[in-house]
Amino acid sequence: MATTAGAAAALTSIPSAHDRLTRSAAAFAGVGGLFYGVVLMPDILGQTILSPAWWTPCAVIAVFGSALAIVIAAARGSIRAIHCSISTFAIVYLVAIATWFVSYDGAATLSNEKGLWLSMFPGLAALAVSITWRPTAVFGYLALACVMCQLQGFNARIDHGNNPVFFEIAFGFTFSALFTAACMGVVRAGRILDETALSARTNAAQSAATEARGAERRRFDALIHDGAMATFLSASRADNTAELAAQATATLRQLDRLRSGASSADTFDAAGLVTHIRTSAAAIDDNAPIVVALQPNSSELQVPPEVARALGAGVIEAIRNIERHAGAASYEVRVDVDGSSARIDVVDDGVGFDPTAVPPHRLGLQVSIRGRFDELDNGWSRVESARGVGTRISMGWRRV
């Protein structure tokens, strides 16, 4: 069913929890890098004597500039841009350490209690890549970064013998791994949430489609009872008259037009559409109040079957929403049909709600109404409500 596929496709446009968490974690990592740049600036300036004059400004610009790029990508860029900026930051960080080994000549040293500024945040670099890389690559990167950082400090300190480098590497890795694993868990939770939500929304879309098909079958059954059986009964009790022939002809025409499983070429006229809406509403409430306004040119209306099914499913969900949430004293289904369009308003005087505050996991309005009509050619829908003043759910279609 076209509208079912469209509604399911529309669900994927809902903002991804994984993407939101990726942006938040990337922003945290990028801001953390800039924070380190500010806090470590006295150490950076004091350690310029350990390397050639060109190395410190180049390393500072490369490392903290790539951290700034992460912040910008998290705020305005695509998810791919975030991945690229994080990988760039991680690689630049290791390259900066590697070039220090090449440029350091041993002429100047640090006191034993000091550490080189680059060795202060290997965990931040690993936390950043945990957002996008696979776990094995993340922990491999963390191990390499910890080894390089501790060896850097080992070579730069005055008294090498008093620095148990293996234990420093082990401590740095273990300490940083805790935060890195936590970040990986958060991002993975977002991915699982997306998969679960997509499954739930798909099931809801399928349920809405099943209800629409059920309403169509009930409409056909009603036609069999009110049209075909009534014609047979009249034929058994009276002679063949012009009125009986007209009744039989009208019934056959309706059967051809409204038969279950009709091809996409079959359409609904105004009367058929109203019948379908009545049947759909009766599936939830046998006493659903329906007000029909047929404009003078409504006989010209021809509605595609997928539009009729979408309108029927929307009415079903709107009435169900009233029964579940509105606490309404009364409601009304208003059908307005002219020669080129059909509009349905389901209006109640219930407690109302704030449409902007409906959470993503509430699937009724999202799947059966908004998602369905967003994907329907020339279809539209609107939800108007406020607390204490009731709700109006409008949906419609216009031929263009």
Protein backbone atom coordinates (compact mmCIF):
# COMPACT_ATOMS: atom_id res chain seq x y z
CA MET A 1 0.00 0.00 0.00
CA ALA A 2 1.49 3.30 -1.10
CA THR A 3 0.45 5.28 1.93
CA THR A 4 1.74 2.61 4.28
CA ALA A 5 5.15 2.64 2.63
CA GLY A 6 5.13 6.43 2.68
CA ALA A 7 4.27 6.57 6.36
CA ALA A 8 7.01 4.09 7.18
CA ALA A 9 9.51 6.09 5.14
CA ALA A 10 8.48 9.28 6.90
CA LEU A 11 9.41 7.74 10.23
CA THR A 12 13.07 7.68 9.29
CA SER A 13 13.03 11.49 9.16
CA ILE A 14 12.50 11.64 12.92
CA PRO A 15 15.70 12.95 14.54
CA SER A 16 18.01 10.07 15.45
CA ALA A 17 18.93 9.56 19.10
CA HIS A 18 22.29 8.21 17.94
CA ASP A 19 22.96 11.36 15.92
CA ARG A 20 21.95 13.63 18.80
CA LEU A 21 24.22 11.76 21.22
CA THR A 22 27.05 11.78 18.66
CA ARG A 23 26.79 15.56 18.36
CA SER A 24 26.67 16.03 22.12
CA ALA A 25 29.64 13.74 22.76
CA ALA A 26 31.65 15.36 19.95
CA ALA A 27 30.91 18.82 21.33
CA PHE A 28 32.05 17.64 24.77
CA ALA A 29 35.31 16.27 23.35
CA GLY A 30 36.00 19.37 21.27
CA VAL A 31 35.28 21.78 24.12
CA GLY A 32 37.42 19.59 26.38
CA GLY A 33 40.33 19.96 23.97
CA LEU A 34 39.97 23.75 23.97
CA PHE A 35 39.72 23.73 27.76
CA TYR A 36 43.00 21.84 27.98
CA GLY A 37 44.54 24.40 25.65
CA VAL A 38 43.63 27.23 28.00
CA VAL A 39 44.56 25.44 31.23
CA LEU A 40 47.88 24.13 29.89
CA MET A 41 49.00 27.38 28.28
CA PRO A 42 51.49 28.22 31.10
CA ASP A 43 53.09 24.77 30.72
CA ILE A 44 53.10 25.12 26.94
CA LEU A 45 54.94 28.42 27.13
CA GLY A 46 57.34 27.12 29.76
CA GLN A 47 58.27 24.04 27.74
CA THR A 48 59.17 25.82 24.51
CA ILE A 49 62.86 25.35 25.45
CA LEU A 50 62.52 21.58 24.97
CA SER A 51 61.95 21.80 21.23
CA PRO A 52 62.87 23.93 18.23
CA ALA A 53 61.17 27.32 17.94
CA TRP A 54 58.88 26.16 15.13
CA TRP A 55 57.55 23.05 16.86
CA THR A 56 55.45 24.51 19.72
CA PRO A 57 53.34 26.98 17.67
CA CYS A 58 52.79 24.36 14.96
CA ALA A 59 51.75 21.71 17.50
CA VAL A 60 49.44 24.10 19.37
CA ILE A 61 47.71 25.26 16.19
CA ALA A 62 47.36 21.72 14.82
CA VAL A 63 46.13 20.04 18.02
CA PHE A 64 43.81 22.71 19.38
CA GLY A 65 42.76 23.86 15.93
CA SER A 66 41.52 20.34 15.18
CA ALA A 67 39.68 20.38 18.54
CA LEU A 68 37.97 23.60 17.45
CA ALA A 69 37.03 21.88 14.17
CA ILE A 70 35.20 19.19 16.18
CA VAL A 71 33.18 21.86 18.00
CA ILE A 72 32.21 23.53 14.72
CA ALA A 73 31.28 20.21 13.10
CA ALA A 74 29.19 19.20 16.12
CA ALA A 75 27.31 22.50 16.02
CA ARG A 76 26.73 22.92 12.29
CA GLY A 77 28.19 20.04 10.30
CA SER A 78 26.91 16.67 9.16
CA ILE A 79 27.56 13.43 11.01
CA ARG A 80 30.19 12.60 8.38
CA ALA A 81 31.91 15.93 9.08
CA ILE A 82 31.96 15.08 12.79
CA HIS A 83 33.56 11.70 12.05
CA CYS A 84 36.22 13.32 9.85
CA SER A 85 37.05 16.05 12.37
CA ILE A 86 37.39 13.53 15.21
CA SER A 87 39.68 11.27 13.19
CA THR A 88 41.74 14.30 12.18
CA PHE A 89 42.13 15.37 15.82
CA ALA A 90 43.22 11.88 16.88
CA ILE A 91 45.79 11.56 14.09
CA VAL A 92 47.14 15.08 14.58
CA TYR A 93 47.60 14.37 18.30
CA LEU A 94 49.78 11.31 17.63
CA VAL A 95 51.69 13.06 14.85
CA ALA A 96 52.47 15.96 17.20
CA ILE A 97 53.93 13.56 19.78
CA ALA A 98 55.91 11.70 17.11
CA THR A 99 57.43 14.92 15.74
CA TRP A 100 58.46 15.90 19.26
CA PHE A 101 60.61 12.76 19.50
CA VAL A 102 62.27 13.69 16.22
CA SER A 103 62.89 17.31 17.19
CA TYR A 104 63.98 16.81 20.83
CA ASP A 105 67.77 16.98 21.21
CA GLY A 106 68.03 16.39 24.99
CA ALA A 107 69.68 19.73 25.68
CA ALA A 108 66.95 20.76 28.11
CA THR A 109 65.02 18.58 30.56
CA LEU A 110 62.04 18.66 32.91
CA SER A 111 62.03 18.10 36.64
CA ASN A 112 60.76 14.70 37.76
CA GLU A 113 57.40 16.01 38.97
CA LYS A 114 56.60 17.67 35.64
CA GLY A 115 55.00 16.24 32.54
CA LEU A 116 54.97 17.43 28.95
CA TRP A 117 51.78 19.24 27.99
CA LEU A 118 50.93 16.81 25.19
CA SER A 119 50.99 13.89 27.62
CA MET A 120 48.21 15.40 29.74
CA PHE A 121 45.22 14.32 27.63
CA PRO A 122 45.64 11.00 25.77
CA GLY A 123 42.32 9.96 27.32
CA LEU A 124 40.52 12.89 25.69
CA ALA A 125 41.76 11.86 22.26
CA ALA A 126 40.66 8.27 22.90
CA LEU A 127 37.28 9.45 24.19
CA ALA A 128 36.82 11.43 20.98
CA VAL A 129 37.50 8.47 18.69
CA SER A 130 35.23 6.25 20.80
CA ILE A 131 32.34 8.23 19.31
CA THR A 132 33.02 6.97 15.78
CA TRP A 133 35.61 4.17 15.75
CA ARG A 134 35.18 0.48 16.51
CA PRO A 135 36.02 -0.65 20.07
CA THR A 136 39.16 -2.57 19.09
CA ALA A 137 40.52 0.44 17.21
CA VAL A 138 39.62 2.76 20.09
CA PHE A 139 41.45 0.78 22.77
CA GLY A 140 44.36 0.14 20.42
CA TYR A 141 44.60 3.87 19.87
CA LEU A 142 44.43 4.54 23.62
CA ALA A 143 47.23 2.05 24.30
CA LEU A 144 49.44 3.60 21.62
CA ALA A 145 48.74 7.14 22.86
CA CYS A 146 49.52 6.22 26.48
CA VAL A 147 52.80 4.54 25.48
CA MET A 148 53.90 7.51 23.38
CA CYS A 149 52.93 10.05 26.05
CA GLN A 150 54.74 8.26 28.88
CA LEU A 151 57.84 7.63 26.77
CA GLN A 152 57.83 11.31 25.86
CA GLY A 153 57.85 12.31 29.52
CA PHE A 154 60.39 9.58 30.35
CA ASN A 155 62.86 10.99 27.81
CA ALA A 156 62.35 14.61 28.85
CA ARG A 157 62.77 14.26 32.62
CA ILE A 158 66.05 14.77 34.46
CA ASP A 159 66.19 11.49 36.38
CA HIS A 160 65.03 8.68 34.11
CA GLY A 161 65.70 5.98 36.67
CA ASN A 162 63.09 7.21 39.13
CA ASN A 163 60.25 6.93 36.61
CA PRO A 164 58.67 3.43 36.44
CA VAL A 165 57.37 3.97 32.93
CA PHE A 166 55.50 0.65 32.69
CA PHE A 167 53.34 1.45 35.71
CA GLU A 168 52.69 4.95 34.45
CA ILE A 169 51.54 3.54 31.12
CA ALA A 170 49.29 1.01 32.87
CA PHE A 171 47.77 3.65 35.13
CA GLY A 172 47.20 6.10 32.29
CA PHE A 173 45.56 3.43 30.14
CA THR A 174 43.30 2.12 32.92
CA PHE A 175 42.22 5.55 34.08
CA SER A 176 41.45 6.79 30.57
CA ALA A 177 39.76 3.53 29.54
CA LEU A 178 37.01 4.04 32.13
CA PHE A 179 35.83 7.31 30.57
CA THR A 180 36.36 6.02 27.05
CA ALA A 181 34.20 2.95 27.70
CA ALA A 182 31.50 5.11 29.27
CA CYS A 183 31.36 7.31 26.17
CA MET A 184 31.17 4.25 23.93
CA GLY A 185 28.27 2.96 26.03
CA VAL A 186 26.35 6.21 25.66
CA VAL A 187 26.72 6.27 21.88
CA ARG A 188 25.81 2.58 21.63
CA ALA A 189 22.70 3.22 23.75
CA GLY A 190 21.61 5.83 21.22
CA ARG A 191 22.02 3.32 18.39
CA ILE A 192 19.98 0.70 20.25
CA LEU A 193 17.30 3.28 21.02
CA ASP A 194 17.03 4.17 17.33
CA GLU A 195 16.70 0.52 16.32
CA THR A 196 14.04 -0.12 18.96
CA ALA A 197 12.09 3.02 18.08
CA LEU A 198 12.21 2.25 14.35
CA SER A 199 10.90 -1.25 15.00
CA ALA A 200 8.06 0.11 17.13
CA ARG A 201 7.15 2.74 14.54
CA THR A 202 7.21 0.20 11.73
CA ASN A 203 4.88 -2.06 13.71
CA ALA A 204 2.59 0.89 14.35
CA ALA A 205 2.54 1.74 10.64
CA GLN A 206 1.68 -1.85 9.78
CA SER A 207 -1.06 -1.83 12.41
CA ALA A 208 -2.51 1.35 10.93
CA ALA A 209 -2.47 -0.22 7.46
CA THR A 210 -4.20 -3.34 8.78
CA GLU A 211 -6.91 -1.23 10.38
CA ALA A 212 -7.41 0.67 7.13
CA ARG A 213 -7.78 -2.57 5.17
CA GLY A 214 -10.19 -3.85 7.82
CA ALA A 215 -12.28 -0.70 7.47
CA GLU A 216 -12.36 -1.21 3.71
CA ARG A 217 -13.55 -4.79 4.12
CA ARG A 218 -16.23 -3.67 6.55
CA ARG A 219 -17.34 -1.04 4.04
CA PHE A 220 -17.62 -3.72 1.38
CA ASP A 221 -19.55 -5.96 3.76
CA ALA A 222 -21.93 -3.10 4.48
CA LEU A 223 -22.46 -2.63 0.75
CA ILE A 224 -23.23 -6.34 0.36
CA HIS A 225 -25.83 -6.12 3.11
CA ASP A 226 -27.39 -2.76 2.22
CA GLY A 227 -27.09 -3.04 -1.55
CA ALA A 228 -26.83 -6.57 -2.89
CA MET A 229 -28.95 -8.35 -0.28
CA ALA A 230 -31.55 -5.60 -0.34
CA THR A 231 -31.75 -5.92 -4.12
CA PHE A 232 -32.14 -9.71 -3.92
CA LEU A 233 -34.84 -9.34 -1.28
CA SER A 234 -36.72 -6.82 -3.40
CA ALA A 235 -36.44 -9.09 -6.43
CA SER A 236 -37.90 -12.01 -4.48
CA ARG A 237 -40.92 -9.99 -3.38
CA ALA A 238 -41.77 -7.98 -6.49
CA ASP A 239 -41.87 -8.19 -10.23
CA ASN A 240 -39.10 -6.87 -12.41
CA THR A 241 -39.68 -3.11 -12.35
CA ALA A 242 -37.72 -0.13 -13.55
CA GLU A 243 -36.99 0.83 -9.95
CA LEU A 244 -35.63 -2.62 -9.18
CA ALA A 245 -33.46 -2.55 -12.30
CA ALA A 246 -32.08 0.85 -11.32
CA GLN A 247 -31.35 -0.40 -7.81
CA ALA A 248 -29.54 -3.45 -9.17
CA THR A 249 -27.55 -1.35 -11.63
CA ALA A 250 -26.49 1.09 -8.89
CA THR A 251 -25.47 -1.77 -6.61
CA LEU A 252 -23.38 -3.41 -9.33
CA ARG A 253 -21.72 -0.09 -10.09
CA GLN A 254 -20.85 0.38 -6.42
CA LEU A 255 -19.52 -3.18 -6.19
CA ASP A 256 -17.27 -2.60 -9.18
CA ARG A 257 -16.02 0.66 -7.77
CA LEU A 258 -15.61 -0.34 -4.14
CA ARG A 259 -14.58 -3.98 -4.41
CA SER A 260 -11.91 -5.15 -2.02
CA GLY A 261 -8.42 -5.25 -3.52
CA ALA A 262 -9.37 -2.88 -6.28
CA SER A 263 -6.71 -1.81 -8.74
CA SER A 264 -5.05 1.56 -8.44
CA ALA A 265 -7.19 2.80 -11.34
CA ASP A 266 -10.42 2.51 -9.28
CA THR A 267 -11.48 5.62 -7.43
CA PHE A 268 -14.00 6.73 -4.81
CA ASP A 269 -16.71 9.22 -5.60
CA ALA A 270 -18.11 11.52 -2.92
CA ALA A 271 -20.73 9.02 -1.76
CA GLY A 272 -18.21 6.18 -1.64
CA LEU A 273 -15.75 8.30 0.33
CA VAL A 274 -18.40 9.30 2.87
CA THR A 275 -19.41 5.65 3.25
CA HIS A 276 -15.79 4.70 3.84
CA ILE A 277 -15.39 7.42 6.48
CA ARG A 278 -18.58 6.33 8.24
CA THR A 279 -17.42 2.71 8.26
CA SER A 280 -13.98 3.66 9.55
CA ALA A 281 -15.45 5.74 12.37
CA ALA A 282 -17.87 2.94 13.29
CA ALA A 283 -14.93 0.59 13.72
CA ILE A 284 -14.07 2.55 16.89
CA ASP A 285 -17.41 4.08 17.89
CA ASP A 286 -20.74 2.80 16.54
CA ASN A 287 -22.34 6.10 17.50
CA ALA A 288 -19.67 8.38 16.08
CA PRO A 289 -21.34 11.72 15.21
CA ILE A 290 -20.59 12.53 11.58
CA VAL A 291 -21.62 15.75 9.85
CA VAL A 292 -21.33 15.70 6.06
CA ALA A 293 -21.22 18.80 3.86
CA LEU A 294 -21.46 17.98 0.14
CA GLN A 295 -20.81 21.02 -2.04
CA PRO A 296 -22.87 21.45 -5.24
CA ASN A 297 -20.04 20.16 -7.43
CA SER A 298 -19.12 17.22 -5.16
CA SER A 299 -20.40 14.76 -7.77
CA GLU A 300 -17.26 15.55 -9.77
CA LEU A 301 -14.93 14.26 -7.05
CA GLN A 302 -12.82 11.19 -7.81
CA VAL A 303 -10.56 10.15 -4.93
CA PRO A 304 -7.71 7.61 -5.38
CA PRO A 305 -8.09 4.52 -3.17
CA GLU A 306 -4.88 5.24 -1.25
CA VAL A 307 -6.26 8.66 -0.32
CA ALA A 308 -9.52 7.17 0.94
CA ARG A 309 -7.61 4.60 2.98
CA ALA A 310 -5.40 7.32 4.47
CA LEU A 311 -8.43 9.41 5.43
CA GLY A 312 -10.14 6.40 6.97
CA ALA A 313 -7.05 5.44 8.97
CA GLY A 314 -6.66 9.05 10.11
CA VAL A 315 -10.26 9.14 11.37
CA ILE A 316 -9.73 5.84 13.22
CA GLU A 317 -6.63 7.16 14.98
CA ALA A 318 -8.20 10.54 15.75
CA ILE A 319 -11.23 8.93 17.44
CA ARG A 320 -9.02 6.47 19.29
CA ASN A 321 -6.89 9.39 20.47
CA ILE A 322 -10.01 11.10 21.81
CA GLU A 323 -11.12 8.01 23.72
CA ARG A 324 -7.68 7.48 25.22
CA HIS A 325 -6.50 10.97 26.03
CA ALA A 326 -9.06 13.73 25.50
CA GLY A 327 -11.48 13.06 28.33
CA ALA A 328 -13.97 14.75 26.02
CA ALA A 329 -17.62 15.31 26.81
CA SER A 330 -18.34 15.23 23.07
CA TYR A 331 -16.70 15.16 19.67
CA GLU A 332 -17.71 15.42 16.04
CA VAL A 333 -16.37 14.19 12.71
CA ARG A 334 -16.92 16.79 9.98
CA VAL A 335 -16.61 15.75 6.35
CA ASP A 336 -16.47 18.49 3.70
CA VAL A 337 -16.35 17.43 0.04
CA ASP A 338 -16.33 19.44 -3.17
CA GLY A 339 -15.45 18.66 -6.75
CA SER A 340 -11.68 18.63 -6.25
CA SER A 341 -10.96 18.10 -2.57
CA ALA A 342 -11.97 16.35 0.61
CA ARG A 343 -11.41 17.58 4.13
CA ILE A 344 -12.07 15.90 7.46
CA ASP A 345 -12.01 17.63 10.85
CA VAL A 346 -12.27 15.62 14.05
CA VAL A 347 -13.11 18.15 16.75
CA ASP A 348 -13.48 17.52 20.48
CA ASP A 349 -14.01 19.68 23.55
CA GLY A 350 -11.66 17.68 25.75
CA VAL A 351 -8.72 18.60 27.92
CA GLY A 352 -6.46 19.45 24.99
CA PHE A 353 -2.66 19.28 24.89
CA ASP A 354 0.45 21.01 23.57
CA PRO A 355 1.19 19.47 20.11
CA THR A 356 4.83 20.58 20.29
CA ALA A 357 5.33 18.63 23.51
CA VAL A 358 4.23 15.23 22.17
CA PRO A 359 7.24 12.88 22.65
CA PRO A 360 8.59 10.86 19.67
CA HIS A 361 7.51 7.54 21.18
CA ARG A 362 3.82 8.55 20.96
CA LEU A 363 3.18 6.94 17.60
CA GLY A 364 -0.52 7.56 16.91
CA LEU A 365 -0.43 11.10 15.56
CA GLN A 366 3.05 10.59 14.08
CA VAL A 367 2.30 7.40 12.15
CA SER A 368 -1.40 7.30 11.30
CA ILE A 369 -1.84 10.99 10.60
CA ARG A 370 1.25 13.17 10.16
CA GLY A 371 3.59 10.61 8.63
CA ARG A 372 0.89 9.17 6.38
CA PHE A 373 -0.30 12.51 5.00
CA ASP A 374 3.20 13.98 4.70
CA GLU A 375 4.00 11.24 2.20
CA LEU A 376 0.61 11.28 0.44
CA ASP A 377 0.63 13.14 -2.86
CA ASN A 378 -1.36 16.36 -2.41
CA GLY A 379 -2.29 15.33 1.11
CA TRP A 380 -2.01 17.45 4.23
CA SER A 381 -2.72 17.26 7.94
CA ARG A 382 -2.78 19.63 10.88
CA VAL A 383 -3.21 19.26 14.64
CA GLU A 384 -4.49 22.25 16.60
CA SER A 385 -4.86 22.06 20.35
CA ALA A 386 -4.21 23.83 23.61
CA ARG A 387 -4.70 22.77 27.17
CA GLY A 388 -8.27 23.25 28.31
CA VAL A 389 -9.76 24.15 24.91
CA GLY A 390 -10.00 20.81 23.10
CA THR A 391 -8.40 19.53 19.93
CA ARG A 392 -9.00 19.77 16.18
CA ILE A 393 -7.32 17.17 13.98
CA SER A 394 -7.64 18.11 10.31
CA MET A 395 -6.63 16.09 7.28
CA GLY A 396 -7.41 16.35 3.62
CA TRP A 397 -6.51 15.92 -0.03
CA ARG A 398 -6.82 18.14 -3.08
CA ARG A 399 -6.67 17.14 -6.72
CA VAL A 400 -4.19 19.22 -8.71
